[in-house]
Protein backbone atom coordinates (compact mmCIF):
# COMPACT_ATOMS: atom_id res chain seq x y z
CA MET A 1 -60.84 21.05 -222.81
CA LYS A 2 -61.39 19.92 -226.40
CA TYR A 3 -64.22 17.64 -225.28
CA TYR A 4 -65.95 20.53 -223.50
CA ASN A 5 -65.73 22.85 -226.51
CA LEU A 6 -67.23 20.29 -228.85
CA ASN A 7 -70.10 19.73 -226.44
CA PHE A 8 -70.55 23.49 -226.06
CA SER A 9 -71.03 23.93 -229.82
CA ASN A 10 -73.43 21.01 -230.05
CA THR A 11 -75.40 22.27 -227.06
CA VAL A 12 -75.75 25.69 -228.66
CA PHE A 13 -76.87 24.01 -231.89
CA VAL A 14 -79.60 22.09 -230.06
CA LEU A 15 -80.78 25.15 -228.11
CA ILE A 16 -80.97 27.33 -231.24
CA SER A 17 -82.88 24.53 -232.98
CA ILE A 18 -85.39 24.35 -230.13
CA SER A 19 -85.80 28.13 -230.08
CA THR A 20 -86.39 28.08 -233.86
CA PHE A 21 -89.23 25.60 -233.41
CA PHE A 22 -90.65 27.82 -230.67
CA ILE A 23 -90.53 30.91 -232.93
CA LEU A 24 -92.24 29.10 -235.79
CA ILE A 25 -95.00 27.67 -233.60
CA TYR A 26 -95.50 30.99 -231.79
CA ASN A 27 -95.91 32.88 -235.05
CA ILE A 28 -98.29 30.29 -236.45
CA ILE A 29 -100.51 30.92 -233.43
CA HIS A 30 -100.09 34.71 -233.25
CA TYR A 31 -99.83 35.82 -236.86
CA SER A 32 -102.23 35.69 -239.77
CA PRO A 33 -100.88 35.85 -243.36
CA ILE A 34 -103.62 38.36 -244.22
CA LEU A 35 -101.48 40.91 -242.33
CA GLY A 36 -98.56 40.46 -244.75
CA TYR A 37 -97.18 42.54 -247.62
CA ASP A 38 -99.94 43.16 -250.21
CA ALA A 39 -101.80 40.30 -248.53
CA GLU A 40 -105.21 40.94 -250.08
CA ALA A 41 -103.66 40.77 -253.55
CA HIS A 42 -101.89 37.49 -252.77
CA PHE A 43 -105.11 36.05 -251.34
CA SER A 44 -106.96 37.17 -254.49
CA TYR A 45 -104.36 35.27 -256.55
CA VAL A 46 -105.04 32.12 -254.51
CA ASP A 47 -108.81 32.53 -254.73
CA TYR A 48 -108.72 32.96 -258.51
CA LEU A 49 -106.32 30.07 -259.03
CA SER A 50 -108.36 27.74 -256.81
CA ARG A 51 -111.58 28.44 -258.73
CA HIS A 52 -110.18 26.51 -261.70
CA LEU A 53 -108.29 23.76 -259.87
CA PRO A 54 -108.03 20.84 -260.20
CA ARG A 55 -109.42 20.96 -263.75
CA GLU A 56 -106.95 23.50 -265.15
CA LEU A 57 -104.14 25.84 -264.14
CA LYS A 58 -105.56 29.24 -265.02
CA LEU A 59 -103.64 32.24 -263.72
CA PRO A 60 -105.15 35.62 -262.79
CA SER A 61 -104.71 38.76 -264.85
CA HIS A 62 -104.06 42.31 -263.66
CA SER A 63 -107.82 42.84 -263.32
CA GLU A 64 -108.06 40.03 -260.74
CA THR A 65 -105.03 40.94 -258.63
CA ARG A 66 -102.13 43.38 -258.75
CA GLU A 67 -99.84 40.40 -257.99
CA PHE A 68 -100.63 38.89 -261.41
CA PHE A 69 -96.95 39.02 -262.45
CA ASN A 70 -95.89 36.43 -259.86
CA PRO A 71 -95.23 32.83 -260.96
CA PRO A 72 -97.64 30.23 -259.51
CA VAL A 73 -95.51 27.89 -257.36
CA GLY A 74 -95.97 29.88 -254.14
CA TYR A 75 -99.75 29.83 -254.59
CA LEU A 76 -100.32 26.17 -255.44
CA PHE A 77 -100.38 24.80 -251.89
CA PRO A 78 -102.87 27.36 -250.49
CA SER A 79 -104.97 26.97 -253.65
CA PHE A 80 -105.29 23.22 -253.19
CA ILE A 81 -106.19 23.75 -249.53
CA GLN A 82 -108.83 26.20 -250.72
CA VAL A 83 -110.21 23.53 -253.08
CA PHE A 84 -110.46 21.00 -250.25
CA CYS A 85 -111.96 23.57 -247.89
CA ARG A 86 -114.76 24.67 -250.17
CA ASN A 87 -115.78 21.05 -250.64
CA LEU A 88 -115.86 20.36 -246.92
CA ILE A 89 -117.55 23.35 -245.29
CA ASP A 90 -121.04 24.72 -245.64
CA SER A 91 -120.96 28.46 -246.21
CA ASN A 92 -122.59 31.27 -248.15
CA ASN A 93 -119.15 32.68 -248.97
CA LEU A 94 -116.77 29.77 -249.45
CA LEU A 95 -113.82 31.82 -250.74
CA SER A 96 -113.85 34.26 -247.84
CA ASP A 97 -114.52 31.70 -245.11
CA CYS A 98 -111.73 29.42 -246.34
CA GLN A 99 -109.10 32.18 -246.32
CA PRO A 100 -108.14 31.81 -242.63
CA ILE A 101 -107.90 28.03 -243.12
CA TYR A 102 -105.62 28.00 -246.13
CA GLY A 103 -103.66 30.92 -244.70
CA LYS A 104 -102.84 29.03 -241.52
CA ALA A 105 -102.18 25.78 -243.41
CA THR A 106 -99.72 27.65 -245.65
CA GLN A 107 -97.90 29.05 -242.62
CA ILE A 108 -97.45 25.53 -241.25
CA PHE A 109 -96.33 24.17 -244.62
CA GLN A 110 -93.84 26.99 -245.22
CA SER A 111 -92.45 26.61 -241.69
CA ILE A 112 -91.76 22.94 -242.42
CA LEU A 113 -90.26 23.95 -245.77
CA TYR A 114 -87.97 26.40 -243.98
CA ILE A 115 -86.72 23.69 -241.60
CA VAL A 116 -86.08 21.32 -244.52
CA THR A 117 -84.23 24.12 -246.33
CA ILE A 118 -81.95 24.65 -243.32
CA CYS A 119 -81.31 20.90 -243.06
CA ILE A 120 -80.35 20.62 -246.74
CA ASN A 121 -77.94 23.55 -246.40
CA LEU A 122 -76.44 21.99 -243.28
CA TYR A 123 -75.87 18.77 -245.22
CA THR A 124 -74.28 20.63 -248.13
CA LEU A 125 -72.00 22.50 -245.74
CA LYS A 126 -71.07 19.20 -244.11
CA LEU A 127 -69.84 17.97 -247.50
CA ILE A 128 -67.96 21.20 -248.20
CA THR A 129 -66.24 21.37 -244.80
CA LYS A 130 -65.79 17.57 -244.62
CA SER A 131 -67.33 17.60 -241.16
CA LYS A 132 -68.28 14.41 -239.33
CA ASN A 133 -71.83 15.66 -238.65
CA ILE A 134 -74.24 18.37 -239.74
CA PHE A 135 -74.07 20.26 -236.43
CA ASN A 136 -72.75 23.47 -238.01
CA VAL A 137 -73.64 25.88 -235.24
CA GLY A 138 -71.99 28.80 -237.06
CA TYR A 139 -74.42 28.51 -239.95
CA LEU A 140 -77.42 27.94 -237.70
CA ILE A 141 -76.79 30.96 -235.46
CA LEU A 142 -76.12 33.28 -238.41
CA ILE A 143 -79.21 32.20 -240.36
CA SER A 144 -81.36 32.33 -237.23
CA LEU A 145 -80.36 35.93 -236.56
CA LEU A 146 -82.11 37.14 -239.74
CA ALA A 147 -85.46 38.48 -238.57
CA VAL A 148 -86.65 38.64 -242.18
CA ASN A 149 -86.86 34.82 -242.24
CA TYR A 150 -89.72 34.63 -239.79
CA ARG A 151 -91.85 37.28 -241.48
CA THR A 152 -91.30 35.80 -244.92
CA ILE A 153 -92.39 32.26 -244.03
CA SER A 154 -95.41 33.63 -242.15
CA MET A 155 -96.88 35.16 -245.31
CA ILE A 156 -98.21 33.69 -248.55
CA ARG A 157 -95.30 34.38 -250.86
CA GLY A 158 -92.95 32.73 -253.35
CA GLU A 159 -89.69 33.47 -251.51
CA PRO A 160 -89.83 30.46 -249.12
CA TYR A 161 -89.96 28.24 -252.20
CA ILE A 162 -86.98 30.00 -253.80
CA LEU A 163 -84.97 29.32 -250.63
CA PHE A 164 -85.97 25.64 -250.68
CA PHE A 165 -85.13 25.08 -254.35
CA LEU A 166 -81.95 27.15 -253.95
CA SER A 167 -80.78 24.75 -251.23
CA LEU A 168 -81.31 21.84 -253.64
CA PHE A 169 -79.56 23.81 -256.38
CA LEU A 170 -76.47 24.35 -254.22
CA LEU A 171 -76.34 20.65 -253.41
CA VAL A 172 -76.52 19.78 -257.12
CA ILE A 173 -73.74 22.25 -257.94
CA LEU A 174 -71.51 20.71 -255.27
CA LYS A 175 -72.17 17.14 -256.42
CA MET A 176 -71.53 18.02 -260.05
CA GLN A 177 -68.34 19.80 -259.05
CA ASN A 178 -67.15 16.79 -257.02
CA SER A 179 -67.92 14.38 -259.86
CA ASP A 180 -66.22 16.65 -262.43
CA TYR A 181 -69.52 16.77 -264.31
CA ASN A 182 -69.73 13.05 -264.85
CA PHE A 183 -73.49 12.88 -265.21
CA GLY A 184 -76.38 10.96 -266.70
CA LEU A 185 -79.80 11.91 -268.02
CA GLU A 186 -81.33 11.51 -264.55
CA GLN A 187 -79.10 14.27 -263.11
CA VAL A 188 -79.82 16.54 -266.06
CA PHE A 189 -83.58 16.09 -265.73
CA TYR A 190 -83.53 16.52 -261.94
CA THR A 191 -81.49 19.73 -262.20
CA GLY A 192 -83.75 21.02 -264.97
CA VAL A 193 -86.79 20.54 -262.75
CA ILE A 194 -85.08 22.48 -259.95
CA ILE A 195 -84.27 25.31 -262.37
CA ALA A 196 -87.90 25.38 -263.52
CA CYS A 197 -89.15 25.46 -259.92
CA ILE A 198 -86.86 28.39 -259.09
CA ALA A 199 -88.06 30.27 -262.17
CA LEU A 200 -91.69 29.54 -261.29
CA SER A 201 -91.34 30.64 -257.66
CA ARG A 202 -90.39 34.30 -258.13
CA GLN A 203 -88.87 36.36 -260.92
CA TRP A 204 -85.89 37.08 -258.64
CA GLY A 205 -84.87 33.45 -259.19
CA PHE A 206 -83.35 34.31 -262.57
CA LEU A 207 -80.62 36.26 -260.78
CA LEU A 208 -79.36 32.90 -259.47
CA PHE A 209 -78.57 31.67 -262.99
CA ILE A 210 -76.36 34.58 -264.10
CA PRO A 211 -73.27 33.35 -262.19
CA LEU A 212 -73.35 30.02 -264.04
CA ILE A 213 -72.97 31.89 -267.33
CA VAL A 214 -70.19 34.13 -265.99
CA LEU A 215 -68.25 31.20 -264.49
CA LEU A 216 -68.26 29.34 -267.81
CA PHE A 217 -65.53 31.69 -269.01
CA TYR A 218 -63.31 30.92 -266.02
CA ARG A 219 -63.24 27.14 -266.42
CA ASN A 220 -60.37 25.26 -268.02
CA SER A 221 -62.50 22.29 -269.08
CA LYS A 222 -65.73 23.76 -270.43
CA ARG A 223 -67.20 20.92 -272.48
CA ASN A 224 -68.92 18.83 -269.77
CA TYR A 225 -69.88 21.96 -267.84
CA LEU A 226 -71.48 23.51 -270.91
CA ILE A 227 -73.30 20.30 -271.88
CA PHE A 228 -74.69 19.75 -268.38
CA TRP A 229 -75.93 23.28 -267.74
CA SER A 230 -77.19 23.79 -271.29
CA SER A 231 -79.18 20.55 -271.15
CA SER A 232 -80.51 21.27 -267.65
CA SER A 233 -81.42 24.83 -268.61
CA PHE A 234 -83.24 23.58 -271.69
CA ILE A 235 -85.38 21.29 -269.54
CA GLY A 236 -85.89 24.08 -267.01
CA GLY A 237 -86.96 26.43 -269.78
CA LEU A 238 -89.24 23.79 -271.23
CA PHE A 239 -91.15 23.55 -267.95
CA SER A 240 -91.15 27.24 -266.99
CA SER A 241 -91.12 29.34 -270.17
CA TRP A 242 -94.90 29.07 -270.66
CA PHE A 243 -95.45 31.48 -267.77
CA TYR A 244 -93.05 34.15 -269.05
CA ILE A 245 -94.24 33.79 -272.63
CA GLY A 246 -97.75 34.36 -271.29
CA LEU A 247 -96.63 37.56 -269.55
CA TYR A 248 -95.05 38.79 -272.77
CA GLN A 249 -98.13 38.01 -274.83
CA LYS A 250 -100.47 39.81 -272.39
CA TYR A 251 -98.35 42.67 -271.13
CA GLY A 252 -95.50 43.04 -273.62
CA SER A 253 -92.75 42.06 -271.18
CA PHE A 254 -91.25 38.79 -269.93
CA THR A 255 -90.80 40.46 -266.54
CA ALA A 256 -94.06 42.38 -266.19
CA PHE A 257 -94.74 44.29 -262.98
CA ASN A 258 -97.70 46.19 -261.52
CA MET A 259 -95.95 49.56 -261.87
CA GLU A 260 -94.76 51.49 -264.88
CA SER A 261 -90.98 51.39 -265.21
CA LYS A 262 -89.17 54.71 -265.49
CA GLY A 263 -86.19 53.00 -267.08
CA PHE A 264 -82.77 52.79 -265.52
CA SER A 265 -81.46 56.18 -264.47
CA PHE A 266 -79.70 57.23 -261.30
CA ASN A 267 -81.77 60.41 -261.52
CA ASN A 268 -84.94 58.44 -260.72
CA HIS A 269 -84.14 58.95 -257.03
CA ASN A 270 -82.77 61.66 -254.80
CA LEU A 271 -79.26 61.30 -253.45
CA SER A 272 -80.66 60.08 -250.11
CA PHE A 273 -81.79 56.87 -251.82
CA TYR A 274 -78.14 55.95 -252.33
CA LEU A 275 -76.43 57.88 -249.53
CA PRO A 276 -78.64 59.09 -246.66
CA ASN A 277 -77.50 62.29 -244.97
CA LEU A 278 -76.59 62.42 -241.29
CA SER A 279 -80.00 63.61 -240.07
CA GLN A 280 -81.70 60.75 -241.92
CA LEU A 281 -79.07 58.25 -240.86
CA GLU A 282 -79.76 59.13 -237.23
CA PHE A 283 -83.16 57.41 -237.45
CA LEU A 284 -81.40 54.16 -238.38
CA PHE A 285 -80.21 53.87 -234.79
CA THR A 286 -82.92 55.81 -232.96
CA LYS A 287 -86.31 55.05 -234.58
CA PRO A 288 -85.99 52.66 -237.57
CA ILE A 289 -89.69 52.33 -238.35
CA ARG A 290 -91.80 53.72 -241.18
CA PRO A 291 -91.80 56.46 -242.41
CA ASN A 292 -88.54 57.68 -240.84
CA LEU A 293 -86.30 56.20 -243.53
CA ASP A 294 -88.47 57.01 -246.54
CA ASN A 295 -86.95 55.67 -249.77
CA GLN A 296 -83.45 55.08 -248.36
CA PHE A 297 -82.40 51.83 -250.00
CA PHE A 298 -79.60 50.56 -247.74
CA SER A 299 -81.07 51.91 -244.50
CA ILE A 300 -84.44 50.24 -245.12
CA ILE A 301 -82.87 46.96 -246.26
CA TYR A 302 -80.72 46.89 -243.12
CA SER A 303 -83.59 47.75 -240.77
CA ASP A 304 -85.93 45.29 -242.46
CA LEU A 305 -83.32 42.52 -242.43
CA TRP A 306 -82.59 42.62 -238.70
CA GLY A 307 -85.72 44.28 -237.35
CA ASP A 308 -89.17 45.20 -238.60
CA TYR A 309 -89.00 48.55 -240.41
CA TRP A 310 -92.37 48.24 -242.13
CA GLY A 311 -94.04 47.01 -238.95
CA TYR A 312 -95.67 43.90 -240.40
CA PHE A 313 -94.92 41.94 -237.24
CA SER A 314 -95.77 44.85 -234.96
CA PHE A 315 -98.58 47.08 -236.18
CA THR A 316 -98.74 47.56 -240.02
CA SER A 317 -100.31 50.68 -241.47
CA ARG A 318 -103.80 49.15 -241.49
CA PHE A 319 -104.02 47.94 -237.89
CA LEU A 320 -102.25 50.58 -235.84
CA ASN A 321 -104.48 49.97 -232.82
CA ASP A 322 -104.11 46.18 -232.73
CA GLY A 323 -100.36 45.57 -232.48
CA ARG A 324 -98.69 45.53 -229.07
CA ASN A 325 -95.80 47.56 -227.62
CA GLN A 326 -96.46 50.33 -230.11
CA LEU A 327 -94.81 53.10 -228.10
CA MET A 328 -91.65 51.11 -227.35
CA ILE A 329 -91.09 49.11 -230.52
CA GLY A 330 -89.17 51.88 -232.30
CA ASP A 331 -86.70 52.22 -229.41
CA TYR A 332 -86.25 48.47 -229.22
CA LEU A 333 -85.68 48.13 -232.98
CA ALA A 334 -83.08 50.90 -232.72
CA ARG A 335 -81.15 48.72 -230.26
CA VAL A 336 -81.61 45.76 -232.60
CA ASN A 337 -79.99 47.75 -235.40
CA ILE A 338 -77.10 48.75 -233.14
CA VAL A 339 -76.22 45.26 -231.88
CA SER A 340 -76.75 43.82 -235.37
CA LEU A 341 -73.78 45.84 -236.59
CA PHE A 342 -71.70 43.04 -235.10
CA SER A 343 -73.68 40.34 -236.94
CA THR A 344 -73.43 42.29 -240.19
CA THR A 345 -69.67 42.74 -239.82
CA ILE A 346 -69.15 39.03 -239.12
CA ILE A 347 -71.21 37.93 -242.14
CA VAL A 348 -69.62 40.39 -244.58
CA TYR A 349 -66.06 39.84 -243.33
CA PHE A 350 -66.39 36.05 -243.22
CA CYS A 351 -67.84 36.13 -246.76
CA TYR A 352 -64.69 37.92 -247.85
CA LEU A 353 -62.42 35.48 -245.98
CA SER A 354 -64.25 32.43 -247.35
CA TYR A 355 -63.90 33.67 -250.90
CA LYS A 356 -60.28 34.70 -250.39
CA LYS A 357 -59.35 31.28 -248.99
CA TYR A 358 -61.41 29.10 -251.34
CA LYS A 359 -61.73 31.21 -254.50
CA SER A 360 -60.57 28.25 -256.61
CA ASN A 361 -63.53 26.23 -255.30
CA PHE A 362 -66.38 26.39 -257.82
CA ILE A 363 -69.29 26.42 -255.37
CA VAL A 364 -67.63 29.21 -253.39
CA GLN A 365 -67.21 31.16 -256.63
CA TYR A 366 -70.86 30.54 -257.48
CA VAL A 367 -72.28 31.54 -254.08
CA ASN A 368 -70.13 34.67 -253.98
CA LEU A 369 -71.29 35.77 -257.44
CA ALA A 370 -74.90 34.76 -256.75
CA TRP A 371 -75.37 37.00 -253.72
CA ILE A 372 -73.69 39.91 -255.49
CA CYS A 373 -75.83 39.45 -258.64
CA SER A 374 -78.97 39.16 -256.50
CA LEU A 375 -78.33 42.41 -254.63
CA ILE A 376 -77.23 44.34 -257.71
CA GLY A 377 -80.20 43.02 -259.69
CA TYR A 378 -82.57 44.07 -256.92
CA LEU A 379 -80.96 47.50 -256.66
CA ILE A 380 -81.45 47.99 -260.41
CA PHE A 381 -85.11 47.02 -259.99
CA ALA A 382 -85.57 49.53 -257.15
CA ILE A 383 -84.00 52.26 -259.29
CA MET A 384 -86.27 51.45 -262.24
CA TYR A 385 -89.46 51.37 -260.12
CA PRO A 386 -89.17 54.35 -257.75
CA THR A 387 -91.71 55.27 -255.10
CA SER A 388 -91.66 58.21 -252.73
CA SER A 389 -91.81 56.03 -249.62
CA GLY A 390 -89.69 53.15 -250.88
CA ASP A 391 -92.52 50.60 -250.82
CA THR A 392 -90.61 48.36 -253.23
CA ILE A 393 -87.69 48.12 -250.76
CA LYS A 394 -88.21 45.06 -248.59
CA SER A 395 -85.56 42.57 -247.54
CA THR A 396 -88.04 39.74 -248.09
CA TYR A 397 -87.94 40.36 -251.83
CA ILE A 398 -84.25 39.53 -252.05
CA ILE A 399 -83.92 37.17 -249.08
CA GLN A 400 -81.99 34.74 -251.31
CA ALA A 401 -78.98 37.09 -251.23
CA PHE A 402 -78.79 37.06 -247.44
CA HIS A 403 -79.09 33.28 -247.28
CA LEU A 404 -76.26 32.96 -249.78
CA MET A 405 -74.09 35.35 -247.76
CA VAL A 406 -74.68 33.35 -244.58
CA PHE A 407 -73.93 30.12 -246.43
CA LEU A 408 -70.62 31.52 -247.67
CA ALA A 409 -69.68 33.13 -244.33
CA SER A 410 -70.33 29.92 -242.41
CA ILE A 411 -67.64 28.09 -244.41
CA TYR A 412 -64.94 30.30 -242.91
CA PHE A 413 -66.71 30.34 -239.53
CA TYR A 414 -66.38 26.56 -239.43
CA ASP A 415 -62.69 26.80 -240.32
CA LEU A 416 -62.16 29.32 -237.53
CA LYS A 417 -63.15 26.67 -234.99
CA ARG A 418 -60.11 24.67 -236.07
CA LEU A 419 -57.79 27.66 -236.51
CA ASN A 420 -58.44 29.56 -233.28
CA ARG A 421 -60.93 28.08 -230.84
CA LYS A 422 -60.82 31.05 -228.43
CA ILE A 423 -61.76 33.60 -231.10
CA TYR A 424 -64.39 31.21 -232.46
CA ASN A 425 -66.00 30.77 -229.04
CA GLY A 426 -65.83 34.51 -228.38
CA ILE A 427 -67.63 35.33 -231.63
CA LEU A 428 -70.16 32.55 -231.07
CA LEU A 429 -70.94 33.76 -227.54
CA THR A 430 -71.37 37.34 -228.78
CA LEU A 431 -73.74 36.18 -231.53
CA ILE A 432 -75.76 34.27 -228.92
CA VAL A 433 -76.09 37.47 -226.88
CA VAL A 434 -77.25 39.32 -230.03
CA TYR A 435 -79.72 36.50 -230.76
CA ILE A 436 -81.19 36.74 -227.26
CA HIS A 437 -81.43 40.53 -227.45
CA ASN A 438 -83.11 40.43 -230.89
CA PHE A 439 -85.46 37.58 -230.02
CA GLN A 440 -88.58 39.77 -229.79
CA SER A 441 -88.05 40.93 -233.37
CA TYR A 442 -88.56 37.32 -234.52
CA LEU A 443 -92.03 37.13 -232.95
CA SER A 444 -95.39 38.52 -234.02
CA HIS A 445 -96.65 41.27 -231.72
CA PHE A 446 -100.28 40.78 -232.65
CA PRO A 447 -102.71 39.25 -230.15
CA LEU A 448 -103.36 35.53 -230.03
CA SER A 449 -105.27 34.31 -233.12
CA PHE A 450 -105.82 37.89 -234.31
CA TYR A 451 -107.60 37.95 -237.67
CA PRO A 452 -108.98 41.22 -239.08
């Protein structure tokens, strides 16, 4: 019986892996990044950046693109592809004609980056759980259930890079913890580079550093910890501060944005932003697509995490006549939200159990604080930059929090396999059913090779 169960888990791991490759390839063929969130502005960022490469790294201002406030890491790859493209093709409009090429190349690159990110996290979890192999099917099924993953890596954005560097960051934290901060200059420099890359991927990355400061006060031996993280942070700041100093010099803020902040006040939003009433909440499980949940923070985050609230894989506001299954997608996404209550409960409850069981483990402490800081930090941002429709509320923006939650939850999920195999298999089978039901939400519903 034991032999069968082990093979069952490994078989599920292989099948989910194959289906993940299918999803990525399918979306590369069926989805164009120009359909993504604020896509024209992100493409303008790439086009401006590529004009000056490889001679210099010159970033756009607010007059070139409304995405000027974003750090450059997420735009470097498509910009270099743009440089190569314009030197290879013959065209009267090189920038425009190269957009589909670098857009598709970026999709492929970010899909590979996503797979590498998952593999690094699997390896880190193997070290934490002391498993004999990296076949952690609990982690793979939970991370694969997040529909937001597939939209995010299909667009030109900085979040896929945050996830990649975060996976390296978690591995460094674990290794430093296991070595009791016995380190050399090489480890300090390497960690500093990772910190810089996180900071230069998206501004949200800074929320990942707050827990390290908080946890300093809970350590018995602080000297080596303080030396290592101070030195690494200095190197990280050395490589990344130029961007934020530039924002401050041009726009008067280290964290500039393309909207005017109203300051932090709970009065910036109606009560429905925090606690939707029953009539509004009904749409969450009947028709969770725009604009039915206008400016409802938790409802939109939930619907965008598991489904496609904003419709960027289904129709988008600009191409209402081009997406498929328009009349049925709202009903289907309602069912997605309903069955995903189980997935949500498992992740949240297993996060709690992981922390409760291993709260003396430093990396567990860090991951638990990091996802909480990320969500709270994002909520504060949404309060400070209100919109009537809730345009600033997208699960992609804070995808790091959900990856951290899954990482933490999967630690207990792995333990459950040893504690109670029947319950473990029952939960795993149920999650597989949810995965199969939600599968359409992972795929683009635009026609083959559609490009506006």
